[in-house]
Amino acid sequence: MADTWLNSLITKTPQEGFELAITLSRRGVKYTQPDATVLHKLRPEYANDADSLVAASQVIAINFQTVAAANNYWRG
């Protein structure tokens, strides 16, 4: 994946920041496993596994921490 899509971590609102954190997390998975067929094959396994869902939430939370810090926690 050579496309440049992330120009900044700066967002206008915490909601936009959270959405960016989700995008960062999803892109991380795509970079790790670029084969869409494999991703779709594995999805039913992790989509129904509580530990996998908690782990995914943790990755999003870590990315949200990074985005929030980059935005000075939206304090202006």
Foldseek 3Di string as FASTA:
>chain_A
DPDDDDPDLADQDLVVNLVVLLVVLVVVVCVVPVPVVVVVVCCVVLVPDPVSVVVSVVSSVVSSVVSCVRHVVNPD
